[in-house]
Each structure stands twice: as C-alpha cells, then as structure tokens.
Amino acid sequence: MTKRNWILISLALALAGVYIFCFTDWFKTKTIHITSTNARVNRVIRAGNSATIPVIFKFERPYELTELKVVDLDDFQTNKLAEPLWHLVSDSGSDDVDQFFYGGNIDGMDPAVEGARPEPLQPGVTYRLFVTAGKIKGWHDFKAKSAN
C-alpha cells in the first residue's frame, strides 16, 4: 500500500471514532429517565391520612430496581445523609418495574429498615426520588398536590 492509502485509511478511522464518540451512547453514562404525575381524581387512593393526591412515577422502560429512596429536597441540599421518607432495597433486584405509586409495594423490594413505612407527603414541598437498578442510577424532583 502506498503512503496515500495509509493516510486515507487513518483519516477514515479517525472520523469513524469521532462519530462514534459524539453521536452514539456507547461512552455515555446510562441514566434512568423518570417522570411523575398525580393520580387522576377518579383514581385517588388515600394512603392513611395523607393530604395529597398519590404520585405515580414512570420509567421509559422496565428496570429491576435495587434501591429506591425519597427525600425532602431542602433537607437533602443541606445534608446529603438526610433521613429518607421512603426507602426500599433489594439484594437481587425487583421484578421488572416501569411505574409505581409513592409508598406502594414493589415486588422483590423491602424497606431498608425493618418495619419502616413511607412518610406521608406534604402538598407544595419539593421531594427528590433516587432510583438504582444495578449500576444504572437516576433521580427526579417532584411535588405532591393537595387532595382538596
């Protein structure tokens, strides 16, 4: 091969590498994309004496969750070890989950502290949901709406 051919092959490989790095997800950290919504009025399920409409969380695809935690965002911003309002863990991963209610049961997951129950959400307070599925993580900020 001539020197010109080697240069053209090297240039093509370099351009392919730049394309793969910039325009594919191969080297990007994978994250769980989460959305939240409040339950429809005709589907309101009162959890205990909660003053809020239940919050539904949805993922773009099902995940086997290994940890789930909800904290008050103001507390979390001042103390990264803030006490969670709801904290579930699983050693081997939950069943495939693509949506769930705040405080609901998720098959394959148990409270991080034996017997702990989810704290009721307060209307207008901003909370942060953290989820982990193996090495993939995600978080989402949300507010609960008043039931009245």
N, C-alpha and C. Protein backbone atom coordinates (compact mmCIF):
# COMPACT_ATOMS: atom_id res chain seq x y z
N MET A 1 0.83 -1.18 0.00
CA MET A 1 0.00 0.00 0.00
C MET A 1 0.88 1.24 0.00
N THR A 2 0.35 2.24 -0.62
CA THR A 2 1.10 3.49 -0.70
C THR A 2 0.86 4.32 0.55
N LYS A 3 1.69 5.31 0.68
CA LYS A 3 1.58 6.22 1.83
C LYS A 3 0.23 6.94 1.80
N ARG A 4 -0.24 7.28 0.61
CA ARG A 4 -1.53 7.97 0.46
C ARG A 4 -2.68 7.10 0.97
N ASN A 5 -2.65 5.80 0.66
CA ASN A 5 -3.70 4.88 1.12
C ASN A 5 -3.70 4.79 2.65
N TRP A 6 -2.53 4.72 3.26
CA TRP A 6 -2.44 4.67 4.72
C TRP A 6 -3.02 5.93 5.35
N ILE A 7 -2.77 7.06 4.77
CA ILE A 7 -3.29 8.33 5.28
C ILE A 7 -4.82 8.36 5.17
N LEU A 8 -5.36 7.91 4.04
CA LEU A 8 -6.81 7.89 3.85
C LEU A 8 -7.49 6.91 4.82
N ILE A 9 -6.89 5.75 5.03
CA ILE A 9 -7.44 4.79 5.98
C ILE A 9 -7.41 5.35 7.40
N SER A 10 -6.30 5.98 7.78
CA SER A 10 -6.18 6.59 9.10
C SER A 10 -7.21 7.70 9.29
N LEU A 11 -7.41 8.52 8.28
CA LEU A 11 -8.39 9.60 8.34
C LEU A 11 -9.80 9.03 8.48
N ALA A 12 -10.12 7.99 7.73
CA ALA A 12 -11.45 7.36 7.81
C ALA A 12 -11.68 6.78 9.21
N LEU A 13 -10.67 6.11 9.78
CA LEU A 13 -10.80 5.55 11.12
C LEU A 13 -10.97 6.65 12.17
N ALA A 14 -10.22 7.74 12.02
CA ALA A 14 -10.34 8.86 12.95
C ALA A 14 -11.74 9.48 12.88
N LEU A 15 -12.27 9.67 11.68
CA LEU A 15 -13.61 10.23 11.53
C LEU A 15 -14.67 9.28 12.10
N ALA A 16 -14.49 7.98 11.89
CA ALA A 16 -15.42 6.99 12.45
C ALA A 16 -15.38 7.05 13.98
N GLY A 17 -14.19 7.17 14.55
CA GLY A 17 -14.05 7.28 16.01
C GLY A 17 -14.73 8.52 16.55
N VAL A 18 -14.55 9.65 15.89
CA VAL A 18 -15.20 10.89 16.32
C VAL A 18 -16.71 10.74 16.24
N TYR A 19 -17.21 10.15 15.17
CA TYR A 19 -18.65 9.95 15.02
C TYR A 19 -19.19 9.07 16.14
N ILE A 20 -18.54 7.96 16.41
CA ILE A 20 -18.99 7.04 17.46
C ILE A 20 -18.98 7.74 18.82
N PHE A 21 -17.95 8.49 19.11
CA PHE A 21 -17.84 9.17 20.40
C PHE A 21 -18.89 10.26 20.57
N CYS A 22 -19.13 11.05 19.52
CA CYS A 22 -20.01 12.21 19.63
C CYS A 22 -21.49 11.91 19.38
N PHE A 23 -21.80 10.93 18.54
CA PHE A 23 -23.18 10.75 18.11
C PHE A 23 -23.80 9.41 18.51
N THR A 24 -23.15 8.66 19.37
CA THR A 24 -23.75 7.43 19.89
C THR A 24 -23.72 7.48 21.42
N ASP A 25 -24.40 6.54 22.05
CA ASP A 25 -24.45 6.47 23.51
C ASP A 25 -23.46 5.48 24.09
N TRP A 26 -22.54 4.99 23.29
CA TRP A 26 -21.62 3.95 23.75
C TRP A 26 -20.78 4.38 24.94
N PHE A 27 -20.37 5.63 25.01
CA PHE A 27 -19.46 6.08 26.06
C PHE A 27 -20.13 6.99 27.08
N LYS A 28 -21.44 7.14 27.00
CA LYS A 28 -22.16 7.99 27.93
C LYS A 28 -22.63 7.16 29.12
N THR A 29 -22.67 7.79 30.28
CA THR A 29 -23.17 7.14 31.48
C THR A 29 -24.66 6.91 31.31
N LYS A 30 -25.10 5.70 31.56
CA LYS A 30 -26.51 5.38 31.42
C LYS A 30 -27.27 5.90 32.64
N THR A 31 -28.43 6.51 32.39
CA THR A 31 -29.26 7.03 33.48
C THR A 31 -30.69 6.54 33.29
N ILE A 32 -31.41 6.48 34.38
CA ILE A 32 -32.82 6.11 34.34
C ILE A 32 -33.61 7.41 34.21
N HIS A 33 -34.42 7.51 33.17
CA HIS A 33 -35.25 8.69 32.96
C HIS A 33 -36.59 8.46 33.66
N ILE A 34 -36.94 9.39 34.55
CA ILE A 34 -38.13 9.25 35.38
C ILE A 34 -39.07 10.43 35.16
N THR A 35 -40.35 10.15 35.08
CA THR A 35 -41.37 11.20 35.07
C THR A 35 -42.35 10.92 36.20
N SER A 36 -43.07 11.95 36.60
CA SER A 36 -44.07 11.76 37.65
C SER A 36 -45.34 12.48 37.26
N THR A 37 -46.43 11.98 37.78
CA THR A 37 -47.73 12.60 37.58
C THR A 37 -48.58 12.29 38.81
N ASN A 38 -49.62 13.06 39.00
CA ASN A 38 -50.54 12.78 40.10
C ASN A 38 -51.66 11.91 39.58
N ALA A 39 -52.16 11.01 40.43
CA ALA A 39 -53.23 10.10 40.04
C ALA A 39 -54.45 10.91 39.62
N ARG A 40 -55.20 10.37 38.69
CA ARG A 40 -56.44 11.04 38.28
C ARG A 40 -57.40 11.10 39.46
N VAL A 41 -58.23 12.11 39.45
CA VAL A 41 -59.15 12.32 40.57
C VAL A 41 -60.02 11.08 40.81
N ASN A 42 -60.46 10.42 39.75
CA ASN A 42 -61.32 9.24 39.94
C ASN A 42 -60.51 8.02 40.38
N ARG A 43 -59.17 8.12 40.44
CA ARG A 43 -58.33 7.01 40.88
C ARG A 43 -57.61 7.33 42.18
N VAL A 44 -58.06 8.37 42.87
CA VAL A 44 -57.39 8.77 44.10
C VAL A 44 -57.50 7.65 45.13
N ILE A 45 -56.37 7.26 45.66
CA ILE A 45 -56.29 6.23 46.69
C ILE A 45 -55.69 6.90 47.90
N ARG A 46 -56.46 7.01 48.97
CA ARG A 46 -55.95 7.65 50.17
C ARG A 46 -55.05 6.69 50.92
N ALA A 47 -53.81 7.10 51.14
CA ALA A 47 -52.86 6.29 51.92
C ALA A 47 -52.83 6.86 53.34
N GLY A 48 -53.47 6.18 54.26
CA GLY A 48 -53.50 6.66 55.64
C GLY A 48 -54.26 7.97 55.72
N ASN A 49 -53.65 8.97 56.34
CA ASN A 49 -54.29 10.28 56.46
C ASN A 49 -53.59 11.30 55.56
N SER A 50 -53.07 10.86 54.44
CA SER A 50 -52.34 11.74 53.54
C SER A 50 -53.24 12.86 53.01
N ALA A 51 -52.69 14.06 52.97
CA ALA A 51 -53.43 15.22 52.47
C ALA A 51 -53.11 15.48 51.01
N THR A 52 -52.47 14.53 50.33
CA THR A 52 -52.05 14.73 48.95
C THR A 52 -52.63 13.66 48.03
N ILE A 53 -52.71 14.01 46.75
CA ILE A 53 -53.10 13.05 45.72
C ILE A 53 -51.90 12.15 45.48
N PRO A 54 -52.10 10.85 45.35
CA PRO A 54 -50.96 9.94 45.14
C PRO A 54 -50.15 10.31 43.90
N VAL A 55 -48.84 10.13 43.99
CA VAL A 55 -47.91 10.43 42.90
C VAL A 55 -47.54 9.12 42.22
N ILE A 56 -47.59 9.14 40.88
CA ILE A 56 -47.20 7.97 40.09
C ILE A 56 -45.88 8.29 39.41
N PHE A 57 -44.92 7.38 39.51
CA PHE A 57 -43.62 7.53 38.84
C PHE A 57 -43.56 6.55 37.68
N LYS A 58 -43.02 7.01 36.54
CA LYS A 58 -42.91 6.17 35.36
C LYS A 58 -41.49 6.23 34.80
N PHE A 59 -41.04 5.09 34.27
CA PHE A 59 -39.74 4.99 33.59
C PHE A 59 -39.98 4.82 32.10
N GLU A 60 -38.95 5.11 31.28
CA GLU A 60 -39.09 4.95 29.84
C GLU A 60 -39.10 3.48 29.43
N ARG A 61 -38.60 2.61 30.30
CA ARG A 61 -38.64 1.17 30.06
C ARG A 61 -38.56 0.47 31.42
N PRO A 62 -38.92 -0.81 31.50
CA PRO A 62 -38.87 -1.51 32.79
C PRO A 62 -37.44 -1.70 33.30
N TYR A 63 -37.29 -1.63 34.62
CA TYR A 63 -36.00 -1.85 35.27
C TYR A 63 -36.17 -2.80 36.45
N GLU A 64 -35.12 -3.55 36.77
CA GLU A 64 -35.07 -4.34 38.00
C GLU A 64 -34.39 -3.46 39.05
N LEU A 65 -35.16 -2.82 39.88
CA LEU A 65 -34.63 -1.86 40.84
C LEU A 65 -33.90 -2.57 41.98
N THR A 66 -32.81 -1.95 42.43
CA THR A 66 -32.08 -2.46 43.59
C THR A 66 -32.20 -1.51 44.78
N GLU A 67 -32.52 -0.24 44.53
CA GLU A 67 -32.72 0.72 45.61
C GLU A 67 -33.64 1.83 45.14
N LEU A 68 -34.46 2.32 46.07
CA LEU A 68 -35.38 3.41 45.80
C LEU A 68 -35.44 4.25 47.08
N LYS A 69 -35.32 5.57 46.93
CA LYS A 69 -35.30 6.43 48.11
C LYS A 69 -35.93 7.77 47.76
N VAL A 70 -36.77 8.29 48.67
CA VAL A 70 -37.37 9.62 48.52
C VAL A 70 -36.96 10.45 49.71
N VAL A 71 -36.43 11.67 49.42
CA VAL A 71 -36.01 12.58 50.48
C VAL A 71 -36.62 13.96 50.22
N ASP A 72 -36.73 14.76 51.29
CA ASP A 72 -37.12 16.16 51.18
C ASP A 72 -35.94 16.89 50.55
N LEU A 73 -36.17 17.58 49.43
CA LEU A 73 -35.07 18.20 48.69
C LEU A 73 -34.34 19.26 49.51
N ASP A 74 -35.06 20.07 50.27
CA ASP A 74 -34.40 21.10 51.09
C ASP A 74 -33.46 20.45 52.12
N ASP A 75 -33.94 19.39 52.77
CA ASP A 75 -33.08 18.68 53.74
C ASP A 75 -31.87 18.08 53.04
N PHE A 76 -32.09 17.50 51.88
CA PHE A 76 -31.00 16.83 51.15
C PHE A 76 -29.93 17.83 50.72
N GLN A 77 -30.34 19.03 50.31
CA GLN A 77 -29.37 20.02 49.85
C GLN A 77 -28.48 20.53 50.98
N THR A 78 -28.96 20.47 52.21
CA THR A 78 -28.12 20.89 53.33
C THR A 78 -27.42 19.72 54.02
N ASN A 79 -27.95 18.50 53.82
CA ASN A 79 -27.38 17.32 54.46
C ASN A 79 -27.55 16.13 53.52
N LYS A 80 -26.47 15.71 52.87
CA LYS A 80 -26.54 14.60 51.90
C LYS A 80 -26.96 13.28 52.54
N LEU A 81 -26.93 13.20 53.86
CA LEU A 81 -27.36 12.00 54.57
C LEU A 81 -28.74 12.19 55.20
N ALA A 82 -29.57 13.03 54.57
CA ALA A 82 -30.91 13.32 55.10
C ALA A 82 -31.71 12.03 55.24
N GLU A 83 -32.53 11.98 56.27
CA GLU A 83 -33.37 10.82 56.54
C GLU A 83 -34.40 10.66 55.41
N PRO A 84 -34.45 9.50 54.75
CA PRO A 84 -35.43 9.32 53.67
C PRO A 84 -36.85 9.16 54.20
N LEU A 85 -37.82 9.62 53.43
CA LEU A 85 -39.23 9.45 53.77
C LEU A 85 -39.70 8.06 53.38
N TRP A 86 -39.06 7.51 52.36
CA TRP A 86 -39.41 6.17 51.87
C TRP A 86 -38.14 5.56 51.30
N HIS A 87 -37.77 4.37 51.74
CA HIS A 87 -36.51 3.77 51.32
C HIS A 87 -36.70 2.26 51.18
N LEU A 88 -36.58 1.77 49.96
CA LEU A 88 -36.68 0.34 49.68
C LEU A 88 -35.38 -0.16 49.10
N VAL A 89 -35.03 -1.41 49.40
CA VAL A 89 -33.83 -2.03 48.86
C VAL A 89 -34.15 -3.46 48.42
N SER A 90 -33.27 -3.99 47.57
CA SER A 90 -33.39 -5.37 47.12
C SER A 90 -31.99 -5.91 46.86
N ASP A 91 -31.73 -7.11 47.33
CA ASP A 91 -30.41 -7.71 47.11
C ASP A 91 -30.24 -8.17 45.67
N SER A 92 -31.28 -8.75 45.10
CA SER A 92 -31.15 -9.33 43.76
C SER A 92 -31.91 -8.58 42.69
N GLY A 93 -32.56 -7.50 43.02
CA GLY A 93 -33.33 -6.74 42.05
C GLY A 93 -34.81 -7.07 42.16
N SER A 94 -35.63 -6.08 41.92
CA SER A 94 -37.08 -6.25 41.99
C SER A 94 -37.57 -6.94 40.72
N ASP A 95 -38.87 -7.20 40.67
CA ASP A 95 -39.47 -7.59 39.40
C ASP A 95 -39.33 -6.41 38.46
N ASP A 96 -39.47 -6.63 37.15
CA ASP A 96 -39.40 -5.52 36.20
C ASP A 96 -40.48 -4.50 36.53
N VAL A 97 -40.06 -3.25 36.70
CA VAL A 97 -40.96 -2.17 37.09
C VAL A 97 -40.84 -1.05 36.07
N ASP A 98 -42.00 -0.58 35.55
CA ASP A 98 -41.96 0.60 34.68
C ASP A 98 -42.80 1.75 35.25
N GLN A 99 -43.58 1.47 36.31
CA GLN A 99 -44.29 2.53 37.02
C GLN A 99 -44.69 2.03 38.40
N PHE A 100 -44.87 2.98 39.33
CA PHE A 100 -45.29 2.64 40.69
C PHE A 100 -45.81 3.89 41.38
N PHE A 101 -46.62 3.69 42.43
CA PHE A 101 -47.14 4.78 43.26
C PHE A 101 -46.16 5.06 44.39
N TYR A 102 -46.11 6.31 44.85
CA TYR A 102 -45.34 6.62 46.06
C TYR A 102 -45.93 5.82 47.21
N GLY A 103 -45.08 5.11 47.93
CA GLY A 103 -45.49 4.34 49.09
C GLY A 103 -46.07 2.98 48.77
N GLY A 104 -46.19 2.64 47.48
CA GLY A 104 -46.77 1.36 47.09
C GLY A 104 -45.78 0.21 47.24
N ASN A 105 -46.30 -1.00 47.19
CA ASN A 105 -45.45 -2.18 47.25
C ASN A 105 -44.82 -2.44 45.89
N ILE A 106 -43.55 -2.78 45.89
CA ILE A 106 -42.85 -3.17 44.67
C ILE A 106 -42.33 -4.58 44.92
N ASP A 107 -42.81 -5.52 44.12
CA ASP A 107 -42.42 -6.92 44.31
C ASP A 107 -40.90 -7.08 44.24
N GLY A 108 -40.35 -7.77 45.22
CA GLY A 108 -38.90 -8.01 45.26
C GLY A 108 -38.12 -6.98 46.04
N MET A 109 -38.81 -5.96 46.58
CA MET A 109 -38.13 -4.93 47.36
C MET A 109 -38.72 -4.87 48.76
N ASP A 110 -37.86 -4.58 49.73
CA ASP A 110 -38.27 -4.49 51.14
C ASP A 110 -37.78 -3.18 51.72
N PRO A 111 -38.42 -2.71 52.81
CA PRO A 111 -37.94 -1.49 53.47
C PRO A 111 -36.49 -1.66 53.92
N ALA A 112 -35.69 -0.59 53.80
CA ALA A 112 -34.29 -0.63 54.22
C ALA A 112 -34.20 -0.86 55.72
N VAL A 113 -35.16 -0.33 56.47
CA VAL A 113 -35.24 -0.54 57.91
C VAL A 113 -36.47 -1.40 58.15
N GLU A 114 -36.27 -2.53 58.79
CA GLU A 114 -37.35 -3.48 59.04
C GLU A 114 -38.57 -2.79 59.65
N GLY A 115 -39.74 -2.98 59.03
CA GLY A 115 -40.99 -2.43 59.55
C GLY A 115 -41.23 -0.96 59.24
N ALA A 116 -40.30 -0.29 58.57
CA ALA A 116 -40.48 1.14 58.24
C ALA A 116 -41.60 1.30 57.23
N ARG A 117 -42.36 2.38 57.38
CA ARG A 117 -43.44 2.68 56.46
C ARG A 117 -43.17 4.05 55.83
N PRO A 118 -43.67 4.27 54.62
CA PRO A 118 -43.43 5.57 53.97
C PRO A 118 -44.12 6.71 54.71
N GLU A 119 -43.40 7.81 54.84
CA GLU A 119 -43.96 9.01 55.48
C GLU A 119 -44.93 9.67 54.49
N PRO A 120 -46.02 10.28 54.97
CA PRO A 120 -46.92 10.98 54.05
C PRO A 120 -46.25 12.21 53.44
N LEU A 121 -46.57 12.47 52.19
CA LEU A 121 -46.04 13.66 51.51
C LEU A 121 -46.86 14.87 51.90
N GLN A 122 -46.24 16.05 51.87
CA GLN A 122 -46.91 17.30 52.18
C GLN A 122 -47.11 18.09 50.90
N PRO A 123 -48.27 18.71 50.71
CA PRO A 123 -48.51 19.49 49.49
C PRO A 123 -47.54 20.66 49.38
N GLY A 124 -47.06 20.90 48.15
CA GLY A 124 -46.19 22.04 47.88
C GLY A 124 -44.73 21.86 48.24
N VAL A 125 -44.35 20.78 48.87
CA VAL A 125 -42.96 20.52 49.24
C VAL A 125 -42.28 19.79 48.08
N THR A 126 -41.05 20.18 47.76
CA THR A 126 -40.32 19.51 46.70
C THR A 126 -39.54 18.34 47.27
N TYR A 127 -39.70 17.20 46.63
CA TYR A 127 -39.03 15.96 47.04
C TYR A 127 -38.14 15.48 45.91
N ARG A 128 -37.19 14.62 46.24
CA ARG A 128 -36.32 14.02 45.22
C ARG A 128 -36.38 12.50 45.37
N LEU A 129 -36.67 11.84 44.25
CA LEU A 129 -36.68 10.38 44.17
C LEU A 129 -35.36 9.93 43.57
N PHE A 130 -34.67 9.01 44.26
CA PHE A 130 -33.46 8.39 43.74
C PHE A 130 -33.78 6.93 43.45
N VAL A 131 -33.39 6.44 42.29
CA VAL A 131 -33.56 5.03 41.96
C VAL A 131 -32.25 4.46 41.46
N THR A 132 -32.02 3.19 41.76
CA THR A 132 -30.84 2.47 41.29
C THR A 132 -31.29 1.13 40.76
N ALA A 133 -30.76 0.76 39.62
CA ALA A 133 -31.00 -0.56 39.02
C ALA A 133 -29.63 -1.11 38.64
N GLY A 134 -28.99 -1.82 39.57
CA GLY A 134 -27.63 -2.29 39.32
C GLY A 134 -26.68 -1.10 39.29
N LYS A 135 -26.01 -0.90 38.16
CA LYS A 135 -25.06 0.21 38.01
C LYS A 135 -25.72 1.47 37.46
N ILE A 136 -26.96 1.36 37.01
CA ILE A 136 -27.67 2.49 36.41
C ILE A 136 -28.43 3.24 37.51
N LYS A 137 -28.33 4.57 37.49
CA LYS A 137 -28.99 5.39 38.51
C LYS A 137 -29.79 6.50 37.85
N GLY A 138 -30.70 7.05 38.62
CA GLY A 138 -31.48 8.19 38.15
C GLY A 138 -32.10 8.91 39.33
N TRP A 139 -32.54 10.14 39.10
CA TRP A 139 -33.23 10.90 40.14
C TRP A 139 -34.24 11.82 39.49
N HIS A 140 -35.23 12.23 40.27
CA HIS A 140 -36.31 13.06 39.75
C HIS A 140 -36.89 13.90 40.89
N ASP A 141 -37.05 15.19 40.65
CA ASP A 141 -37.67 16.09 41.64
C ASP A 141 -39.16 16.18 41.34
N PHE A 142 -39.97 16.20 42.40
CA PHE A 142 -41.42 16.28 42.21
C PHE A 142 -42.06 16.96 43.41
N LYS A 143 -43.33 17.41 43.21
CA LYS A 143 -44.14 17.98 44.28
C LYS A 143 -45.45 17.23 44.32
N ALA A 144 -45.97 17.03 45.52
CA ALA A 144 -47.28 16.42 45.69
C ALA A 144 -48.33 17.51 45.68
N LYS A 145 -49.49 17.19 45.10
CA LYS A 145 -50.59 18.14 45.06
C LYS A 145 -51.59 17.85 46.17
N SER A 146 -52.21 18.90 46.64
CA SER A 146 -53.19 18.77 47.72
C SER A 146 -54.41 18.00 47.21
N ALA A 147 -54.98 17.15 48.09
CA ALA A 147 -56.16 16.37 47.74
C ALA A 147 -57.43 17.21 47.79
N ASN A 148 -57.35 18.38 48.36
CA ASN A 148 -58.55 19.23 48.48
C ASN A 148 -58.70 20.18 47.33
